[in-house]
Amino acid sequence: MNFVGGSGESACQSVSVVVPVFNGAGSIAILLERLMPILDAYRPEVEVILVNDASTDNSSEVISRLVTAYPDVRGIDLMRNYGQHNALLCGIRAAQFDIIVTLDDDLEHPPEEIPRLIAALEEGVDVVYGRPIREQHGLFRNLASRVTKLALATSMGVDVAKEVSAFRVFRTQVRDSFAQYHGPFVSIDVLLTWGTTRFSAIKVQHDARSIGESNYTLRRLLTHALNMATGFSVIPLQVASILGLVSAVFGMILLLYVVGRYVVLGGTVPGFPFLASIISLFAGVQLIALGVIGEYLARMHFRLMDRPAYVARQDSG
């Protein structure tokens, strides 16, 4: 596959673009107006899959109009709101062509950068992330994003984990590694590591959101980080084990001190509040450990129920 120098246009390439949509009625038509000229370089094998994640606005109607207006656009309506990564998984599994591009519906990811991401695949990698040159969000949102990426790094186990972005390009055959995954907790980035370790990231322009408000609030980002840590990693269990071990060692040392003082001085240790606080500390550590274990047991329970990652209501286009 040869690329025309400088332009990033492919002589022969097939591309599927997957866009999860949630309350994006005001932006997806503009997105397609900018996206379609970019995809002209990859015709005739191109498609755009708009996955409506049970939007509460009129995104479904807008998608229906776009499916009628553009022959290369396909719309999928989910039965309820499953979350961005679940909607992405639905679109990724529906993709037909060699390369899959994922981007958000809010115009923060410029479609004009797609050729650069696709060209970067030719550098011997299977996944390329478009990391922002400069973060466009506020302090707390950026902080939550860093926490999420830190949790993701423990789950992915690759160096590029701290540079992940929803603006990504990867080879379609990578999805074969998670074809049988049906759990309700989904992280596309972790699932991609099941199929390859060849990741890369390049800096691309990320625009500020001009329409609507971000659906990724601080609470949702922190929840996503928790899902990454407990859903795809044993790090929390290991941390709980270490806390338990440290507490047990400290308790043993304290017990030896009490016994030794009684033997040597013949009296008890004064300071009931101190002992009470130590007991409370141990009890707190135990509850933390039980909570972590309970989180894993809950996930096993949901997995045994075979709860689906998504259910499509309608597939058009």
C-alpha atoms as a PDB file:
ATOM      1  CA  MET A   1       0.000   0.000   0.000  1.00  0.00           C
ATOM      2  CA  ASN A   2       1.678   3.133  -1.245  1.00  0.00           C
ATOM      3  CA  PHE A   3       0.857   6.646  -0.147  1.00  0.00           C
ATOM      4  CA  VAL A   4       1.215   9.736  -2.246  1.00  0.00           C
ATOM      5  CA  GLY A   5       4.003  11.754  -0.687  1.00  0.00           C
ATOM      6  CA  GLY A   6       2.968  14.612   1.569  1.00  0.00           C
ATOM      7  CA  SER A   7      -0.772  14.321   1.067  1.00  0.00           C
ATOM      8  CA  GLY A   8      -1.313  11.107   3.002  1.00  0.00           C
ATOM      9  CA  GLU A   9      -3.791   9.904   0.321  1.00  0.00           C
ATOM     10  CA  SER A  10      -3.928   6.209  -0.344  1.00  0.00           C
ATOM     11  CA  ALA A  11      -3.839   4.662  -3.815  1.00  0.00           C
ATOM     12  CA  CYS A  12      -5.719   1.598  -2.676  1.00  0.00           C
ATOM     13  CA  GLN A  13      -7.205   1.421   0.796  1.00  0.00           C
ATOM     14  CA  SER A  14     -10.558   0.554   2.320  1.00  0.00           C
ATOM     15  CA  VAL A  15     -11.768   2.472   5.361  1.00  0.00           C
ATOM     16  CA  SER A  16     -14.611   2.157   7.854  1.00  0.00           C
ATOM     17  CA  VAL A  17     -15.294   5.153  10.098  1.00  0.00           C
ATOM     18  CA  VAL A  18     -17.153   4.444  13.343  1.00  0.00           C
ATOM     19  CA  VAL A  19     -18.782   7.341  15.198  1.00  0.00           C
ATOM     20  CA  PRO A  20     -20.613   6.770  18.516  1.00  0.00           C
ATOM     21  CA  VAL A  21     -23.422   9.309  18.756  1.00  0.00           C
ATOM     22  CA  PHE A  22     -25.007  10.581  21.948  1.00  0.00           C
ATOM     23  CA  ASN A  23     -27.018  13.798  21.773  1.00  0.00           C
ATOM     24  CA  GLY A  24     -25.083  14.809  18.674  1.00  0.00           C
ATOM     25  CA  ALA A  25     -27.979  16.036  16.553  1.00  0.00           C
ATOM     26  CA  GLY A  26     -26.384  19.438  16.116  1.00  0.00           C
ATOM     27  CA  SER A  27     -22.962  18.214  15.061  1.00  0.00           C
ATOM     28  CA  ILE A  28     -23.126  14.939  13.096  1.00  0.00           C
ATOM     29  CA  ALA A  29     -24.385  16.544   9.869  1.00  0.00           C
ATOM     30  CA  ILE A  30     -21.488  19.033  10.010  1.00  0.00           C
ATOM     31  CA  LEU A  31     -19.112  16.177  10.776  1.00  0.00           C
ATOM     32  CA  LEU A  32     -20.205  14.278   7.661  1.00  0.00           C
ATOM     33  CA  GLU A  33     -19.878  17.385   5.487  1.00  0.00           C
ATOM     34  CA  ARG A  34     -16.222  17.567   6.504  1.00  0.00           C
ATOM     35  CA  LEU A  35     -15.630  13.806   6.577  1.00  0.00           C
ATOM     36  CA  MET A  36     -16.954  12.769   3.156  1.00  0.00           C
ATOM     37  CA  PRO A  37     -14.417  14.782   1.101  1.00  0.00           C
ATOM     38  CA  ILE A  38     -11.625  13.188   3.130  1.00  0.00           C
ATOM     39  CA  LEU A  39     -12.955   9.706   2.369  1.00  0.00           C
ATOM     40  CA  ASP A  40     -13.035  10.419  -1.379  1.00  0.00           C
ATOM     41  CA  ALA A  41      -9.356   9.466  -1.478  1.00  0.00           C
ATOM     42  CA  TYR A  42     -10.213   5.949  -0.322  1.00  0.00           C
ATOM     43  CA  ARG A  43     -13.234   5.187  -2.509  1.00  0.00           C
ATOM     44  CA  PRO A  44     -14.943   3.004  -3.525  1.00  0.00           C
ATOM     45  CA  GLU A  45     -14.546   0.953  -0.341  1.00  0.00           C
ATOM     46  CA  VAL A  46     -15.520   3.418   2.373  1.00  0.00           C
ATOM     47  CA  GLU A  47     -18.303   3.550   4.931  1.00  0.00           C
ATOM     48  CA  VAL A  48     -19.376   5.623   7.906  1.00  0.00           C
ATOM     49  CA  ILE A  49     -21.176   3.850  10.750  1.00  0.00           C
ATOM     50  CA  LEU A  50     -23.141   6.111  13.099  1.00  0.00           C
ATOM     51  CA  VAL A  51     -24.062   4.256  16.294  1.00  0.00           C
ATOM     52  CA  ASN A  52     -26.826   6.088  18.155  1.00  0.00           C
ATOM     53  CA  ASP A  53     -26.360   5.293  21.859  1.00  0.00           C
ATOM     54  CA  ALA A  54     -30.009   6.010  22.805  1.00  0.00           C
ATOM     55  CA  SER A  55     -29.684   9.777  22.478  1.00  0.00           C
ATOM     56  CA  THR A  56     -32.301  11.879  24.230  1.00  0.00           C
ATOM     57  CA  ASP A  57     -32.400  14.489  21.451  1.00  0.00           C
ATOM     58  CA  ASN A  58     -33.404  13.924  17.815  1.00  0.00           C
ATOM     59  CA  SER A  59     -30.129  12.278  16.804  1.00  0.00           C
ATOM     60  CA  SER A  60     -32.022   9.233  15.542  1.00  0.00           C
ATOM     61  CA  GLU A  61     -34.014  11.318  13.057  1.00  0.00           C
ATOM     62  CA  VAL A  62     -30.890  13.164  11.918  1.00  0.00           C
ATOM     63  CA  ILE A  63     -29.076   9.862  11.355  1.00  0.00           C
ATOM     64  CA  SER A  64     -32.020   8.556   9.315  1.00  0.00           C
ATOM     65  CA  ARG A  65     -31.805  11.629   7.064  1.00  0.00           C
ATOM     66  CA  LEU A  66     -28.055  11.237   6.689  1.00  0.00           C
ATOM     67  CA  VAL A  67     -28.428   7.556   5.765  1.00  0.00           C
ATOM     68  CA  THR A  68     -30.799   8.616   2.996  1.00  0.00           C
ATOM     69  CA  ALA A  69     -28.560  11.463   1.822  1.00  0.00           C
ATOM     70  CA  TYR A  70     -25.261   9.544   1.814  1.00  0.00           C
ATOM     71  CA  PRO A  71     -25.103   6.027   0.306  1.00  0.00           C
ATOM     72  CA  ASP A  72     -21.945   5.224   2.275  1.00  0.00           C
ATOM     73  CA  VAL A  73     -23.518   5.989   5.669  1.00  0.00           C
ATOM     74  CA  ARG A  74     -25.005   3.333   7.899  1.00  0.00           C
ATOM     75  CA  GLY A  75     -26.995   3.988  11.058  1.00  0.00           C
ATOM     76  CA  ILE A  76     -27.376   1.694  14.055  1.00  0.00           C
ATOM     77  CA  ASP A  77     -29.782   2.496  16.907  1.00  0.00           C
ATOM     78  CA  LEU A  78     -29.094   0.854  20.256  1.00  0.00           C
ATOM     79  CA  MET A  79     -31.947  -0.219  22.517  1.00  0.00           C
ATOM     80  CA  ARG A  80     -30.698   1.853  25.452  1.00  0.00           C
ATOM     81  CA  ASN A  81     -27.687   3.880  26.526  1.00  0.00           C
ATOM     82  CA  TYR A  82     -24.799   1.434  26.925  1.00  0.00           C
ATOM     83  CA  GLY A  83     -21.890   3.885  26.961  1.00  0.00           C
ATOM     84  CA  GLN A  84     -19.374   5.141  24.444  1.00  0.00           C
ATOM     85  CA  HIS A  85     -17.117   2.090  24.382  1.00  0.00           C
ATOM     86  CA  ASN A  86     -20.031  -0.331  24.070  1.00  0.00           C
ATOM     87  CA  ALA A  87     -21.389   1.693  21.155  1.00  0.00           C
ATOM     88  CA  LEU A  88     -17.929   1.658  19.595  1.00  0.00           C
ATOM     89  CA  LEU A  89     -17.742  -2.106  19.970  1.00  0.00           C
ATOM     90  CA  CYS A  90     -21.045  -2.416  18.112  1.00  0.00           C
ATOM     91  CA  GLY A  91     -19.779  -0.252  15.253  1.00  0.00           C
ATOM     92  CA  ILE A  92     -16.387  -1.960  15.120  1.00  0.00           C
ATOM     93  CA  ARG A  93     -18.009  -5.368  14.759  1.00  0.00           C
ATOM     94  CA  ALA A  94     -20.232  -4.017  11.983  1.00  0.00           C
ATOM     95  CA  ALA A  95     -17.286  -2.563  10.020  1.00  0.00           C
ATOM     96  CA  GLN A  96     -16.546  -4.222   6.678  1.00  0.00           C
ATOM     97  CA  PHE A  97     -13.258  -2.770   5.489  1.00  0.00           C
ATOM     98  CA  ASP A  98      -9.517  -3.119   6.156  1.00  0.00           C
ATOM     99  CA  ILE A  99      -8.951  -0.079   8.367  1.00  0.00           C
ATOM    100  CA  ILE A 100     -11.213   1.219  11.132  1.00  0.00           C
ATOM    101  CA  VAL A 101     -11.213   4.849  12.213  1.00  0.00           C
ATOM    102  CA  THR A 102     -12.985   5.927  15.403  1.00  0.00           C
ATOM    103  CA  LEU A 103     -13.759   9.509  16.323  1.00  0.00           C
ATOM    104  CA  ASP A 104     -16.247  11.417  18.447  1.00  0.00           C
ATOM    105  CA  ASP A 105     -19.384  13.124  17.182  1.00  0.00           C
ATOM    106  CA  ASP A 106     -18.637  16.512  18.775  1.00  0.00           C
ATOM    107  CA  LEU A 107     -16.199  17.866  16.140  1.00  0.00           C
ATOM    108  CA  GLU A 108     -13.288  17.816  18.601  1.00  0.00           C
ATOM    109  CA  HIS A 109     -11.518  15.308  16.330  1.00  0.00           C
ATOM    110  CA  PRO A 110     -10.867  16.979  12.946  1.00  0.00           C
ATOM    111  CA  PRO A 111     -11.600  14.556  10.069  1.00  0.00           C
ATOM    112  CA  GLU A 112      -8.829  16.316   8.142  1.00  0.00           C
ATOM    113  CA  GLU A 113      -6.282  14.524  10.364  1.00  0.00           C
ATOM    114  CA  ILE A 114      -7.489  11.031   9.356  1.00  0.00           C
ATOM    115  CA  PRO A 115      -5.049  10.638   6.398  1.00  0.00           C
ATOM    116  CA  ARG A 116      -2.122  11.295   8.741  1.00  0.00           C
ATOM    117  CA  LEU A 117      -3.299   8.591  11.149  1.00  0.00           C
ATOM    118  CA  ILE A 118      -3.812   6.092   8.326  1.00  0.00           C
ATOM    119  CA  ALA A 119      -0.397   6.897   6.876  1.00  0.00           C
ATOM    120  CA  ALA A 120       1.182   6.262  10.295  1.00  0.00           C
ATOM    121  CA  LEU A 121      -0.093   2.669  10.154  1.00  0.00           C
ATOM    122  CA  GLU A 122       2.497   2.000   7.465  1.00  0.00           C
ATOM    123  CA  GLU A 123       5.272   2.433  10.023  1.00  0.00           C
ATOM    124  CA  GLY A 124       4.892  -1.181  11.142  1.00  0.00           C
ATOM    125  CA  VAL A 125       2.154  -0.730  13.729  1.00  0.00           C
ATOM    126  CA  ASP A 126      -1.430  -1.955  14.038  1.00  0.00           C
ATOM    127  CA  VAL A 127      -2.963   0.867  16.110  1.00  0.00           C
ATOM    128  CA  VAL A 128      -2.323   4.604  15.891  1.00  0.00           C
ATOM    129  CA  TYR A 129      -3.745   7.152  18.347  1.00  0.00           C
ATOM    130  CA  GLY A 130      -4.216  10.818  17.546  1.00  0.00           C
ATOM    131  CA  ARG A 131      -3.097  12.463  20.773  1.00  0.00           C
ATOM    132  CA  PRO A 132      -4.009  16.142  21.218  1.00  0.00           C
ATOM    133  CA  ILE A 133      -1.335  18.773  20.798  1.00  0.00           C
ATOM    134  CA  ARG A 134      -2.967  20.635  23.669  1.00  0.00           C
ATOM    135  CA  GLU A 135      -5.741  19.558  26.018  1.00  0.00           C
ATOM    136  CA  GLN A 136      -8.957  21.462  25.352  1.00  0.00           C
ATOM    137  CA  HIS A 137     -10.743  20.858  28.653  1.00  0.00           C
ATOM    138  CA  GLY A 138     -10.736  22.373  32.115  1.00  0.00           C
ATOM    139  CA  LEU A 139      -8.435  21.542  35.011  1.00  0.00           C
ATOM    140  CA  PHE A 140     -10.657  18.945  36.704  1.00  0.00           C
ATOM    141  CA  ARG A 141     -11.615  17.286  33.425  1.00  0.00           C
ATOM    142  CA  ASN A 142      -7.947  17.034  32.406  1.00  0.00           C
ATOM    143  CA  LEU A 143      -7.066  15.678  35.867  1.00  0.00           C
ATOM    144  CA  ALA A 144      -9.790  13.041  35.611  1.00  0.00           C
ATOM    145  CA  SER A 145      -8.549  12.163  32.141  1.00  0.00           C
ATOM    146  CA  ARG A 146      -5.049  11.612  33.518  1.00  0.00           C
ATOM    147  CA  VAL A 147      -6.416   9.355  36.256  1.00  0.00           C
ATOM    148  CA  THR A 148      -8.307   7.366  33.620  1.00  0.00           C
ATOM    149  CA  LYS A 149      -5.195   6.983  31.488  1.00  0.00           C
ATOM    150  CA  LEU A 150      -3.190   5.869  34.534  1.00  0.00           C
ATOM    151  CA  ALA A 151      -5.776   3.173  35.243  1.00  0.00           C
ATOM    152  CA  LEU A 152      -5.753   2.271  31.570  1.00  0.00           C
ATOM    153  CA  ALA A 153      -1.965   1.929  31.622  1.00  0.00           C
ATOM    154  CA  THR A 154      -2.194  -0.730  34.344  1.00  0.00           C
ATOM    155  CA  SER A 155      -4.751  -2.629  32.257  1.00  0.00           C
ATOM    156  CA  MET A 156      -3.103  -2.293  28.844  1.00  0.00           C
ATOM    157  CA  GLY A 157       0.482  -2.928  29.883  1.00  0.00           C
ATOM    158  CA  VAL A 158       1.932  -0.908  26.976  1.00  0.00           C
ATOM    159  CA  ASP A 159       3.881   2.348  27.003  1.00  0.00           C
ATOM    160  CA  VAL A 160       1.469   4.175  24.709  1.00  0.00           C
ATOM    161  CA  ALA A 161      -1.385   3.772  27.223  1.00  0.00           C
ATOM    162  CA  LYS A 162      -0.853   7.290  28.596  1.00  0.00           C
ATOM    163  CA  GLU A 163      -1.315   8.726  25.106  1.00  0.00           C
ATOM    164  CA  VAL A 164      -4.584   7.006  24.190  1.00  0.00           C
ATOM    165  CA  SER A 165      -7.381   8.953  22.593  1.00  0.00           C
ATOM    166  CA  ALA A 166     -10.848   8.257  21.217  1.00  0.00           C
ATOM    167  CA  PHE A 167      -9.373   9.410  17.893  1.00  0.00           C
ATOM    168  CA  ARG A 168      -7.738   6.182  16.740  1.00  0.00           C
ATOM    169  CA  VAL A 169      -7.024   4.107  13.630  1.00  0.00           C
ATOM    170  CA  PHE A 170      -6.354   0.366  13.597  1.00  0.00           C
ATOM    171  CA  ARG A 171      -6.272  -2.632  11.302  1.00  0.00           C
ATOM    172  CA  THR A 172      -9.583  -4.464  11.234  1.00  0.00           C
ATOM    173  CA  GLN A 173      -8.063  -7.914  11.786  1.00  0.00           C
ATOM    174  CA  VAL A 174      -7.107  -6.844  15.329  1.00  0.00           C
ATOM    175  CA  ARG A 175     -10.784  -7.143  16.299  1.00  0.00           C
ATOM    176  CA  ASP A 176     -10.590 -10.921  15.779  1.00  0.00           C
ATOM    177  CA  SER A 177      -8.850 -11.129  19.155  1.00  0.00           C
ATOM    178  CA  PHE A 178     -11.983  -9.925  20.980  1.00  0.00           C
ATOM    179  CA  ALA A 179     -14.641 -11.410  18.696  1.00  0.00           C
ATOM    180  CA  GLN A 180     -15.872 -13.640  21.533  1.00  0.00           C
ATOM    181  CA  TYR A 181     -15.925 -10.924  24.203  1.00  0.00           C
ATOM    182  CA  HIS A 182     -19.475 -10.366  25.445  1.00  0.00           C
ATOM    183  CA  GLY A 183     -19.044  -8.766  28.880  1.00  0.00           C
ATOM    184  CA  PRO A 184     -20.973  -5.574  29.695  1.00  0.00           C
ATOM    185  CA  PHE A 185     -17.828  -3.680  30.777  1.00  0.00           C
ATOM    186  CA  VAL A 186     -15.991  -2.612  27.639  1.00  0.00           C
ATOM    187  CA  SER A 187     -12.734  -0.775  27.007  1.00  0.00           C
ATOM    188  CA  ILE A 188     -11.803  -0.691  23.335  1.00  0.00           C
ATOM    189  CA  ASP A 189      -8.210   0.232  24.153  1.00  0.00           C
ATOM    190  CA  VAL A 190      -7.735  -2.760  26.462  1.00  0.00           C
ATOM    191  CA  LEU A 191      -9.406  -5.089  23.971  1.00  0.00           C
ATOM    192  CA  LEU A 192      -7.021  -3.910  21.252  1.00  0.00           C
ATOM    193  CA  THR A 193      -4.075  -5.078  23.379  1.00  0.00           C
ATOM    194  CA  TRP A 194      -5.501  -8.604  23.201  1.00  0.00           C
ATOM    195  CA  GLY A 195      -4.626  -8.655  19.505  1.00  0.00           C
ATOM    196  CA  THR A 196      -1.440  -6.625  19.194  1.00  0.00           C
ATOM    197  CA  THR A 197       1.367  -4.860  21.038  1.00  0.00           C
ATOM    198  CA  ARG A 198       2.291  -2.658  18.089  1.00  0.00           C
ATOM    199  CA  PHE A 199       0.897   0.721  19.110  1.00  0.00           C
ATOM    200  CA  SER A 200       1.848   4.224  18.143  1.00  0.00           C
ATOM    201  CA  ALA A 201       0.646   7.775  18.767  1.00  0.00           C
ATOM    202  CA  ILE A 202       1.092  10.976  16.821  1.00  0.00           C
ATOM    203  CA  LYS A 203       0.171  14.535  17.742  1.00  0.00           C
ATOM    204  CA  VAL A 204      -2.817  15.889  15.871  1.00  0.00           C
ATOM    205  CA  GLN A 205      -5.010  18.931  16.186  1.00  0.00           C
ATOM    206  CA  HIS A 206      -7.964  18.574  18.565  1.00  0.00           C
ATOM    207  CA  ASP A 207     -10.533  21.358  18.342  1.00  0.00           C
ATOM    208  CA  ALA A 208     -12.566  22.815  21.177  1.00  0.00           C
ATOM    209  CA  ARG A 209     -16.159  21.641  21.337  1.00  0.00           C
ATOM    210  CA  SER A 210     -18.339  24.280  19.670  1.00  0.00           C
ATOM    211  CA  ILE A 211     -21.775  22.622  19.896  1.00  0.00           C
ATOM    212  CA  GLY A 212     -23.385  21.343  23.111  1.00  0.00           C
ATOM    213  CA  GLU A 213     -21.596  20.148  26.217  1.00  0.00           C
ATOM    214  CA  SER A 214     -19.289  17.217  26.775  1.00  0.00           C
ATOM    215  CA  ASN A 215     -21.028  13.999  27.794  1.00  0.00           C
ATOM    216  CA  TYR A 216     -17.886  12.850  29.608  1.00  0.00           C
ATOM    217  CA  THR A 217     -18.292  14.480  32.993  1.00  0.00           C
ATOM    218  CA  LEU A 218     -15.807  14.197  35.841  1.00  0.00           C
ATOM    219  CA  ARG A 219     -17.967  11.516  37.454  1.00  0.00           C
ATOM    220  CA  ARG A 220     -18.178   9.458  34.261  1.00  0.00           C
ATOM    221  CA  LEU A 221     -14.433   9.641  33.718  1.00  0.00           C
ATOM    222  CA  LEU A 222     -13.730   8.469  37.259  1.00  0.00           C
ATOM    223  CA  THR A 223     -16.297   5.679  36.857  1.00  0.00           C
ATOM    224  CA  HIS A 224     -14.588   4.659  33.630  1.00  0.00           C
ATOM    225  CA  ALA A 225     -11.238   4.619  35.428  1.00  0.00           C
ATOM    226  CA  LEU A 226     -12.699   2.340  38.109  1.00  0.00           C
ATOM    227  CA  ASN A 227     -14.096   0.045  35.436  1.00  0.00           C
ATOM    228  CA  MET A 228     -10.684  -0.149  33.785  1.00  0.00           C
ATOM    229  CA  ALA A 229      -8.916  -0.940  37.043  1.00  0.00           C
ATOM    230  CA  THR A 230     -11.367  -3.588  38.251  1.00  0.00           C
ATOM    231  CA  GLY A 231     -12.625  -4.921  34.935  1.00  0.00           C
ATOM    232  CA  PHE A 232      -9.357  -5.628  33.138  1.00  0.00           C
ATOM    233  CA  SER A 233      -6.656  -5.705  35.804  1.00  0.00           C
ATOM    234  CA  VAL A 234      -5.730  -7.497  39.032  1.00  0.00           C
ATOM    235  CA  ILE A 235      -3.884  -4.439  40.373  1.00  0.00           C
ATOM    236  CA  PRO A 236      -6.640  -3.558  42.920  1.00  0.00           C
ATOM    237  CA  LEU A 237      -6.543  -7.110  44.287  1.00  0.00           C
ATOM    238  CA  GLN A 238      -2.776  -6.903  44.592  1.00  0.00           C
ATOM    239  CA  VAL A 239      -3.032  -3.537  46.352  1.00  0.00           C
ATOM    240  CA  ALA A 240      -5.596  -4.995  48.758  1.00  0.00           C
ATOM    241  CA  SER A 241      -3.269  -7.934  49.448  1.00  0.00           C
ATOM    242  CA  ILE A 242      -0.340  -5.602  50.130  1.00  0.00           C
ATOM    243  CA  LEU A 243      -2.476  -3.464  52.466  1.00  0.00           C
ATOM    244  CA  GLY A 244      -3.551  -6.588  54.307  1.00  0.00           C
ATOM    245  CA  LEU A 245       0.045  -7.793  54.608  1.00  0.00           C
ATOM    246  CA  VAL A 246       1.292  -4.415  55.866  1.00  0.00           C
ATOM    247  CA  SER A 247      -1.558  -4.249  58.386  1.00  0.00           C
ATOM    248  CA  ALA A 248      -0.856  -7.776  59.609  1.00  0.00           C
ATOM    249  CA  VAL A 249       2.855  -7.017  60.073  1.00  0.00           C
ATOM    250  CA  PHE A 250       2.082  -3.771  61.889  1.00  0.00           C
ATOM    251  CA  GLY A 251      -0.437  -5.539  64.121  1.00  0.00           C
ATOM    252  CA  MET A 252       2.088  -8.254  64.949  1.00  0.00           C
ATOM    253  CA  ILE A 253       4.719  -5.662  65.850  1.00  0.00           C
ATOM    254  CA  LEU A 254       2.208  -3.858  68.064  1.00  0.00           C
ATOM    255  CA  LEU A 255       1.263  -7.137  69.765  1.00  0.00           C
ATOM    256  CA  LEU A 256       4.921  -7.954  70.463  1.00  0.00           C
ATOM    257  CA  TYR A 257       5.359  -4.492  71.916  1.00  0.00           C
ATOM    258  CA  VAL A 258       2.368  -4.920  74.247  1.00  0.00           C
ATOM    259  CA  VAL A 259       3.502  -8.377  75.392  1.00  0.00           C
ATOM    260  CA  GLY A 260       7.112  -7.256  75.799  1.00  0.00           C
ATOM    261  CA  ARG A 261       6.101  -4.226  77.866  1.00  0.00           C
ATOM    262  CA  TYR A 262       3.927  -6.404  80.070  1.00  0.00           C
ATOM    263  CA  VAL A 263       6.752  -8.910  80.646  1.00  0.00           C
ATOM    264  CA  VAL A 264       9.411  -6.279  81.304  1.00  0.00           C
ATOM    265  CA  LEU A 265       7.451  -3.611  83.214  1.00  0.00           C
ATOM    266  CA  GLY A 266       4.578  -5.693  84.532  1.00  0.00           C
ATOM    267  CA  GLY A 267       1.916  -3.249  83.406  1.00  0.00           C
ATOM    268  CA  THR A 268      -0.439  -2.688  80.566  1.00  0.00           C
ATOM    269  CA  VAL A 269      -0.018  -0.112  77.839  1.00  0.00           C
ATOM    270  CA  PRO A 270      -1.945   3.115  78.524  1.00  0.00           C
ATOM    271  CA  GLY A 271      -3.778   4.869  75.778  1.00  0.00           C
ATOM    272  CA  PHE A 272      -7.032   3.195  74.898  1.00  0.00           C
ATOM    273  CA  PRO A 273      -7.803   5.786  72.136  1.00  0.00           C
ATOM    274  CA  PHE A 274      -4.582   4.834  70.382  1.00  0.00           C
ATOM    275  CA  LEU A 275      -5.490   1.154  70.415  1.00  0.00           C
ATOM    276  CA  ALA A 276      -9.016   1.932  69.306  1.00  0.00           C
ATOM    277  CA  SER A 277      -7.684   3.940  66.349  1.00  0.00           C
ATOM    278  CA  ILE A 278      -5.397   1.061  65.377  1.00  0.00           C
ATOM    279  CA  ILE A 279      -8.323  -1.343  65.476  1.00  0.00           C
ATOM    280  CA  SER A 280     -10.348   1.048  63.354  1.00  0.00           C
ATOM    281  CA  LEU A 281      -7.487   1.278  60.875  1.00  0.00           C
ATOM    282  CA  PHE A 282      -7.308  -2.494  60.558  1.00  0.00           C
ATOM    283  CA  ALA A 283     -11.059  -2.722  60.177  1.00  0.00           C
ATOM    284  CA  GLY A 284     -10.956  -0.078  57.447  1.00  0.00           C
ATOM    285  CA  VAL A 285      -8.275  -1.960  55.538  1.00  0.00           C
ATOM    286  CA  GLN A 286     -10.313  -5.140  55.783  1.00  0.00           C
ATOM    287  CA  LEU A 287     -13.408  -3.391  54.463  1.00  0.00           C
ATOM    288  CA  ILE A 288     -11.414  -1.936  51.567  1.00  0.00           C
ATOM    289  CA  ALA A 289     -10.102  -5.387  50.701  1.00  0.00           C
ATOM    290  CA  LEU A 290     -13.581  -6.900  50.952  1.00  0.00           C
ATOM    291  CA  GLY A 291     -14.965  -4.134  48.756  1.00  0.00           C
ATOM    292  CA  VAL A 292     -12.377  -4.791  46.053  1.00  0.00           C
ATOM    293  CA  ILE A 293     -13.020  -8.529  46.186  1.00  0.00           C
ATOM    294  CA  GLY A 294     -16.757  -7.841  46.074  1.00  0.00           C
ATOM    295  CA  GLU A 295     -16.296  -5.719  42.943  1.00  0.00           C
ATOM    296  CA  TYR A 296     -14.565  -8.608  41.191  1.00  0.00           C
ATOM    297  CA  LEU A 297     -17.230 -11.068  42.340  1.00  0.00           C
ATOM    298  CA  ALA A 298     -19.930  -8.744  41.002  1.00  0.00           C
ATOM    299  CA  ARG A 299     -18.221  -8.653  37.622  1.00  0.00           C
ATOM    300  CA  MET A 300     -17.973 -12.442  37.583  1.00  0.00           C
ATOM    301  CA  HIS A 301     -21.667 -12.565  38.412  1.00  0.00           C
ATOM    302  CA  PHE A 302     -22.562 -10.275  35.498  1.00  0.00           C
ATOM    303  CA  ARG A 303     -20.314 -12.278  33.172  1.00  0.00           C
ATOM    304  CA  LEU A 304     -21.955 -15.554  34.175  1.00  0.00           C
ATOM    305  CA  MET A 305     -25.337 -13.986  33.406  1.00  0.00           C
ATOM    306  CA  ASP A 306     -24.007 -13.421  29.851  1.00  0.00           C
ATOM    307  CA  ARG A 307     -25.309  -9.861  29.883  1.00  0.00           C
ATOM    308  CA  PRO A 308     -24.716  -8.366  26.403  1.00  0.00           C
ATOM    309  CA  ALA A 309     -22.422  -5.442  25.744  1.00  0.00           C
ATOM    310  CA  TYR A 310     -25.087  -3.885  23.500  1.00  0.00           C
ATOM    311  CA  VAL A 311     -28.354  -4.667  21.671  1.00  0.00           C
ATOM    312  CA  ALA A 312     -29.249  -2.931  18.402  1.00  0.00           C
ATOM    313  CA  ARG A 313     -32.791  -1.786  17.804  1.00  0.00           C
ATOM    314  CA  GLN A 314     -32.358  -0.971  14.110  1.00  0.00           C
ATOM    315  CA  ASP A 315     -29.649  -1.193  11.439  1.00  0.00           C
ATOM    316  CA  SER A 316     -30.175   0.989   8.371  1.00  0.00           C
ATOM    317  CA  GLY A 317     -28.121   1.961   5.355  1.00  0.00           C
END
